[in-house]
């Protein structure tokens, strides 16, 4: 086995070469969520048609009913009817809920180590999503749901790359059991996931603003100060500072990212203390199974 850096560089080269030549098999949007989102994309969507699709996926049905019975939507009392639930929630929040369900599927793994790593990524992504939506609302953006989805998706390359490496391990493991160790595995995922995430964004035909947030979470865009990408960058730094992180962080760099982000997005309206207050209690239930 070569050095971890050489191994990372070689695997990244192979993956990027396959992306460029259309030979990389990226995960497709799961069938039922895709059909649901297609229906919701219609100008006057057919609610009954949507319900029939949701009914085909019991866990998704449960999530829709649970959402409809939260304080936000349950003023008329609890419901066990998917028809009522769909009408209560409405198209835009349903798009977010269904996309979130589809994303969660990518974080599943039968490998214990990867499952544990993916759980940390998922918790971090949920924290970034919630904070991004809150920041968007605070600064008066018209796109809080888009910011939520961008936060949820910003690290999507990590579980996808983990699954790719796991597949390689299945093929090589019996012949070369020591081809990669856990530290090297983690290093490759942490340093190479952005390009994979960008490829997934293209495959899933995500809006350009969300794809941009996936592609780069490191530098603010001064040309579009209140962009979705900038909202996610600040949310990402805040989540890491609050302990929702997948690896070691540089506290000085994080504080600098927060300071610049608050200034960029509107220092007179953003209160970091209020944004992170009770963040753990505000995260939706979404642990990886």
Protein backbone atom coordinates (compact mmCIF):
# COMPACT_ATOMS: atom_id res chain seq x y z
CA UNK A 1 0.00 0.00 0.00
CA UNK A 2 1.39 3.43 -0.91
CA UNK A 3 1.30 6.48 1.33
CA UNK A 4 -2.16 7.80 2.23
CA UNK A 5 -1.57 10.94 0.13
CA UNK A 6 -0.52 8.95 -2.94
CA UNK A 7 -3.48 6.63 -2.48
CA UNK A 8 -5.85 9.59 -2.11
CA UNK A 9 -4.44 11.30 -5.22
CA UNK A 10 -4.69 8.11 -7.29
CA UNK A 11 -8.26 7.34 -6.20
CA UNK A 12 -9.30 10.96 -6.81
CA UNK A 13 -7.70 10.82 -10.28
CA UNK A 14 -9.65 7.66 -11.10
CA UNK A 15 -12.93 9.10 -9.84
CA UNK A 16 -12.52 12.41 -11.68
CA UNK A 17 -11.51 10.63 -14.86
CA UNK A 18 -14.68 8.55 -14.66
CA UNK A 19 -16.80 11.65 -14.03
CA UNK A 20 -15.26 13.35 -17.08
CA UNK A 21 -15.88 10.34 -19.31
CA UNK A 22 -19.38 9.60 -17.96
CA UNK A 23 -18.23 6.25 -16.58
CA UNK A 24 -18.84 7.02 -12.91
CA UNK A 25 -22.08 5.47 -11.66
CA UNK A 26 -23.55 8.10 -9.37
CA UNK A 27 -26.52 7.36 -7.13
CA UNK A 28 -29.82 8.17 -8.82
CA UNK A 29 -32.60 9.92 -6.97
CA UNK A 30 -34.68 7.11 -5.36
CA UNK A 31 -37.70 6.27 -7.52
CA UNK A 32 -40.60 7.24 -5.25
CA UNK A 33 -39.12 10.58 -4.09
CA UNK A 34 -38.27 11.42 -7.71
CA UNK A 35 -41.83 10.74 -8.86
CA UNK A 36 -43.17 12.81 -5.95
CA UNK A 37 -40.89 15.74 -6.80
CA UNK A 38 -41.88 15.51 -10.48
CA UNK A 39 -45.55 15.81 -9.45
CA UNK A 40 -44.79 18.73 -7.13
CA UNK A 41 -42.96 20.44 -9.99
CA UNK A 42 -46.21 20.73 -11.95
CA UNK A 43 -47.91 24.15 -11.83
CA UNK A 44 -51.19 22.73 -10.47
CA UNK A 45 -50.09 19.45 -8.95
CA UNK A 46 -52.58 16.62 -8.48
CA UNK A 47 -52.71 16.02 -4.71
CA UNK A 48 -54.37 12.60 -5.03
CA UNK A 49 -51.70 11.46 -7.49
CA UNK A 50 -49.01 12.63 -5.06
CA UNK A 51 -50.64 10.79 -2.16
CA UNK A 52 -50.67 7.54 -4.16
CA UNK A 53 -46.90 7.85 -4.67
CA UNK A 54 -46.25 8.66 -1.01
CA UNK A 55 -48.36 5.67 0.07
CA UNK A 56 -45.95 3.39 -1.81
CA UNK A 57 -43.21 4.26 0.69
CA UNK A 58 -44.37 3.60 4.29
CA UNK A 59 -41.52 5.52 5.95
CA UNK A 60 -42.15 8.56 3.75
CA UNK A 61 -45.87 8.35 4.58
CA UNK A 62 -45.00 8.38 8.27
CA UNK A 63 -42.75 11.41 7.85
CA UNK A 64 -45.45 13.36 5.98
CA UNK A 65 -48.06 12.56 8.64
CA UNK A 66 -45.64 13.46 11.42
CA UNK A 67 -44.86 16.79 9.75
CA UNK A 68 -48.57 17.56 9.28
CA UNK A 69 -49.18 16.98 12.98
CA UNK A 70 -46.46 19.33 14.22
CA UNK A 71 -47.44 22.63 15.83
CA UNK A 72 -46.78 24.44 12.54
CA UNK A 73 -49.59 22.68 10.67
CA UNK A 74 -51.89 21.07 13.27
CA UNK A 75 -54.17 23.98 14.24
CA UNK A 76 -57.17 21.95 13.05
CA UNK A 77 -56.22 19.00 15.23
CA UNK A 78 -54.30 15.78 14.50
CA UNK A 79 -54.80 13.89 11.26
CA UNK A 80 -54.08 10.35 10.09
CA UNK A 81 -55.10 11.14 6.51
CA UNK A 82 -52.34 11.57 3.94
CA UNK A 83 -54.73 13.60 1.75
CA UNK A 84 -55.22 16.11 4.56
CA UNK A 85 -51.53 16.04 5.45
CA UNK A 86 -50.47 16.94 1.89
CA UNK A 87 -52.95 19.84 1.75
CA UNK A 88 -51.88 21.10 5.18
CA UNK A 89 -48.17 21.11 4.45
CA UNK A 90 -48.22 22.56 0.92
CA UNK A 91 -45.94 22.15 -2.09
CA UNK A 92 -42.75 23.94 -1.06
CA UNK A 93 -42.31 22.35 2.41
CA UNK A 94 -43.24 18.97 0.90
CA UNK A 95 -40.44 19.33 -1.65
CA UNK A 96 -38.01 19.93 1.20
CA UNK A 97 -39.31 16.99 3.27
CA UNK A 98 -39.23 14.55 0.32
CA UNK A 99 -35.77 15.66 -0.81
CA UNK A 100 -34.52 15.26 2.76
CA UNK A 101 -35.89 11.72 2.81
CA UNK A 102 -34.13 10.93 -0.49
CA UNK A 103 -30.83 12.35 0.79
CA UNK A 104 -31.05 10.31 4.00
CA UNK A 105 -31.08 7.13 1.90
CA UNK A 106 -27.55 7.92 0.68
CA UNK A 107 -26.26 7.87 4.26
CA UNK A 108 -27.25 4.26 4.90
CA UNK A 109 -24.53 1.61 5.03
CA UNK A 110 -24.14 -1.97 6.22
CA UNK A 111 -20.54 -1.22 7.24
CA UNK A 112 -20.43 -0.20 10.93
CA UNK A 113 -17.48 2.19 10.58
CA UNK A 114 -18.99 3.97 7.59
CA UNK A 115 -22.42 4.02 9.22
CA UNK A 116 -20.95 5.72 12.30
CA UNK A 117 -19.03 8.22 10.15
CA UNK A 118 -22.12 8.92 8.04
CA UNK A 119 -24.19 9.52 11.16
CA UNK A 120 -21.80 12.33 12.15
CA UNK A 121 -22.01 13.82 8.65
CA UNK A 122 -25.82 13.62 8.75
CA UNK A 123 -26.01 15.34 12.16
CA UNK A 124 -23.64 18.05 10.93
CA UNK A 125 -25.69 18.48 7.74
CA UNK A 126 -28.94 18.79 9.70
CA UNK A 127 -27.39 21.43 11.96
CA UNK A 128 -26.12 23.39 8.94
CA UNK A 129 -29.55 23.09 7.27
CA UNK A 130 -31.47 24.38 10.31
CA UNK A 131 -29.02 27.24 10.85
CA UNK A 132 -29.05 28.14 7.13
CA UNK A 133 -32.86 28.37 7.16
CA UNK A 134 -32.79 30.49 10.33
CA UNK A 135 -30.13 32.83 8.91
CA UNK A 136 -32.12 33.17 5.68
CA UNK A 137 -35.27 34.08 7.60
CA UNK A 138 -33.41 36.55 9.81
CA UNK A 139 -31.92 38.48 6.90
CA UNK A 140 -35.25 38.56 5.06
CA UNK A 141 -34.31 36.18 2.26
CA UNK A 142 -37.13 34.79 0.14
CA UNK A 143 -35.45 31.37 -0.04
CA UNK A 144 -35.34 29.78 3.44
CA UNK A 145 -36.31 26.33 2.11
CA UNK A 146 -33.62 26.49 -0.60
CA UNK A 147 -31.08 27.45 2.08
CA UNK A 148 -32.21 24.50 4.20
CA UNK A 149 -31.75 22.08 1.29
CA UNK A 150 -28.37 23.57 0.38
CA UNK A 151 -27.24 23.10 3.99
CA UNK A 152 -28.51 19.54 4.01
CA UNK A 153 -26.73 18.77 0.73
CA UNK A 154 -23.45 20.65 1.18
CA UNK A 155 -21.54 17.51 2.26
CA UNK A 156 -23.44 15.02 0.09
CA UNK A 157 -20.18 13.90 -1.54
CA UNK A 158 -19.04 12.28 1.72
CA UNK A 159 -21.52 9.37 1.92
CA UNK A 160 -21.35 8.90 -1.86
CA UNK A 161 -17.54 8.68 -1.82
CA UNK A 162 -17.69 6.42 1.24
CA UNK A 163 -19.97 4.04 -0.66
CA UNK A 164 -17.59 4.07 -3.63
CA UNK A 165 -14.62 3.24 -1.41
CA UNK A 166 -16.61 0.52 0.32
CA UNK A 167 -17.34 -1.04 -3.08
CA UNK A 168 -13.62 -0.96 -3.92
CA UNK A 169 -12.90 -2.54 -0.55
CA UNK A 170 -15.35 -5.37 -1.28
CA UNK A 171 -13.48 -6.10 -4.50
CA UNK A 172 -9.94 -5.74 -3.16
CA UNK A 173 -10.35 -6.71 0.47
CA UNK A 174 -10.08 -10.46 0.12
CA UNK A 175 -7.02 -10.19 -2.14
CA UNK A 176 -5.38 -7.17 -0.53
CA UNK A 177 -6.85 -6.85 2.97
CA UNK A 178 -4.49 -4.02 4.00
CA UNK A 179 -4.97 -1.86 0.89
CA UNK A 180 -6.47 0.94 3.02
CA UNK A 181 -6.82 1.69 6.73
CA UNK A 182 -9.57 3.68 8.46
CA UNK A 183 -7.44 6.84 8.79
CA UNK A 184 -6.62 6.81 5.07
CA UNK A 185 -10.26 6.10 4.25
CA UNK A 186 -11.37 9.10 6.35
CA UNK A 187 -8.67 11.34 4.87
CA UNK A 188 -9.71 10.54 1.30
CA UNK A 189 -13.37 11.27 2.05
CA UNK A 190 -12.59 14.55 3.85
CA UNK A 191 -10.29 15.88 1.12
CA UNK A 192 -12.03 14.67 -2.06
CA UNK A 193 -15.77 14.81 -1.38
CA UNK A 194 -16.44 18.25 -2.90
CA UNK A 195 -15.90 17.16 -6.51
CA UNK A 196 -18.10 14.10 -5.96
CA UNK A 197 -20.79 16.28 -4.39
CA UNK A 198 -20.69 18.62 -7.39
CA UNK A 199 -21.13 15.62 -9.70
CA UNK A 200 -24.15 14.44 -7.68
CA UNK A 201 -25.64 17.95 -7.92
CA UNK A 202 -25.36 17.72 -11.70
CA UNK A 203 -26.79 14.18 -11.79
CA UNK A 204 -29.80 15.19 -9.65
CA UNK A 205 -30.24 18.44 -11.66
CA UNK A 206 -30.17 20.55 -8.51
CA UNK A 207 -30.64 24.34 -8.83
CA UNK A 208 -27.41 26.17 -9.58
CA UNK A 209 -27.46 28.12 -6.30
CA UNK A 210 -27.61 24.87 -4.30
CA UNK A 211 -24.93 23.24 -6.45
CA UNK A 212 -22.66 26.24 -5.80
CA UNK A 213 -23.00 25.75 -2.04
CA UNK A 214 -22.01 22.09 -2.45
CA UNK A 215 -19.03 22.90 -4.66
CA UNK A 216 -17.35 25.34 -2.26
CA UNK A 217 -17.93 25.96 1.44
CA UNK A 218 -14.60 27.64 2.15
CA UNK A 219 -14.73 31.18 0.72
CA UNK A 220 -17.52 33.76 0.77
CA UNK A 221 -18.77 35.22 -2.49
CA UNK A 222 -18.38 39.01 -2.13
CA UNK A 223 -20.15 39.60 -5.46
CA UNK A 224 -23.42 38.18 -4.07
CA UNK A 225 -23.31 38.89 -0.36
CA UNK A 226 -26.64 37.31 0.62
CA UNK A 227 -26.39 34.30 -1.69
CA UNK A 228 -27.50 30.83 -0.64
CA UNK A 229 -23.85 29.77 -0.72
CA UNK A 230 -22.84 32.50 1.74
CA UNK A 231 -25.71 31.59 4.06
CA UNK A 232 -24.54 27.94 4.05
CA UNK A 233 -20.90 28.95 4.64
CA UNK A 234 -21.83 30.87 7.78
CA UNK A 235 -24.17 28.07 8.94
CA UNK A 236 -21.39 25.54 8.34
CA UNK A 237 -18.95 27.51 10.51
CA UNK A 238 -21.53 27.97 13.29
CA UNK A 239 -22.43 24.25 13.28
CA UNK A 240 -18.76 23.30 13.58
CA UNK A 241 -18.23 25.72 16.45
CA UNK A 242 -21.21 24.20 18.26
CA UNK A 243 -19.64 20.73 18.02
CA UNK A 244 -21.47 19.41 14.94
CA UNK A 245 -18.37 18.43 13.03
CA UNK A 246 -16.91 15.34 11.40
CA UNK A 247 -13.28 15.98 12.27
CA UNK A 248 -10.85 18.34 13.97
CA UNK A 249 -11.37 22.06 13.42
CA UNK A 250 -9.19 25.15 13.66
CA UNK A 251 -11.01 27.37 16.18
CA UNK A 252 -9.30 30.52 14.92
CA UNK A 253 -10.33 29.83 11.32
CA UNK A 254 -13.89 29.06 12.39
CA UNK A 255 -14.21 32.32 14.35
CA UNK A 256 -12.86 34.24 11.35
CA UNK A 257 -15.42 32.55 9.06
CA UNK A 258 -18.21 33.48 11.47
CA UNK A 259 -17.06 37.09 11.80
CA UNK A 260 -16.77 37.58 8.03
CA UNK A 261 -20.09 35.82 7.41
CA UNK A 262 -22.01 37.92 9.93
CA UNK A 263 -20.54 41.07 8.38
CA UNK A 264 -21.27 39.85 4.85
CA UNK A 265 -24.89 38.91 5.52
CA UNK A 266 -25.89 41.84 7.75
CA UNK A 267 -24.32 42.52 11.13
CA UNK A 268 -27.26 44.66 12.27
CA UNK A 269 -29.78 41.80 12.07
CA UNK A 270 -27.75 38.66 12.78
CA UNK A 271 -27.21 37.61 16.37
CA UNK A 272 -24.95 34.56 16.56
CA UNK A 273 -26.12 33.82 20.10
CA UNK A 274 -29.76 33.69 19.06
CA UNK A 275 -28.99 31.61 15.97
CA UNK A 276 -27.27 28.81 17.89
CA UNK A 277 -29.57 28.91 20.92
CA UNK A 278 -30.94 25.39 21.60
CA UNK A 279 -29.72 24.19 18.20
CA UNK A 280 -29.66 20.56 19.40
CA UNK A 281 -33.33 20.68 20.38
CA UNK A 282 -34.28 22.20 17.02
CA UNK A 283 -32.77 19.49 14.85
CA UNK A 284 -35.38 17.29 13.14
CA UNK A 285 -35.32 13.59 13.96
CA UNK A 286 -33.29 12.05 11.16
CA UNK A 287 -30.74 9.62 12.48
CA UNK A 288 -29.23 7.25 9.98
CA UNK A 289 -30.66 3.78 10.40
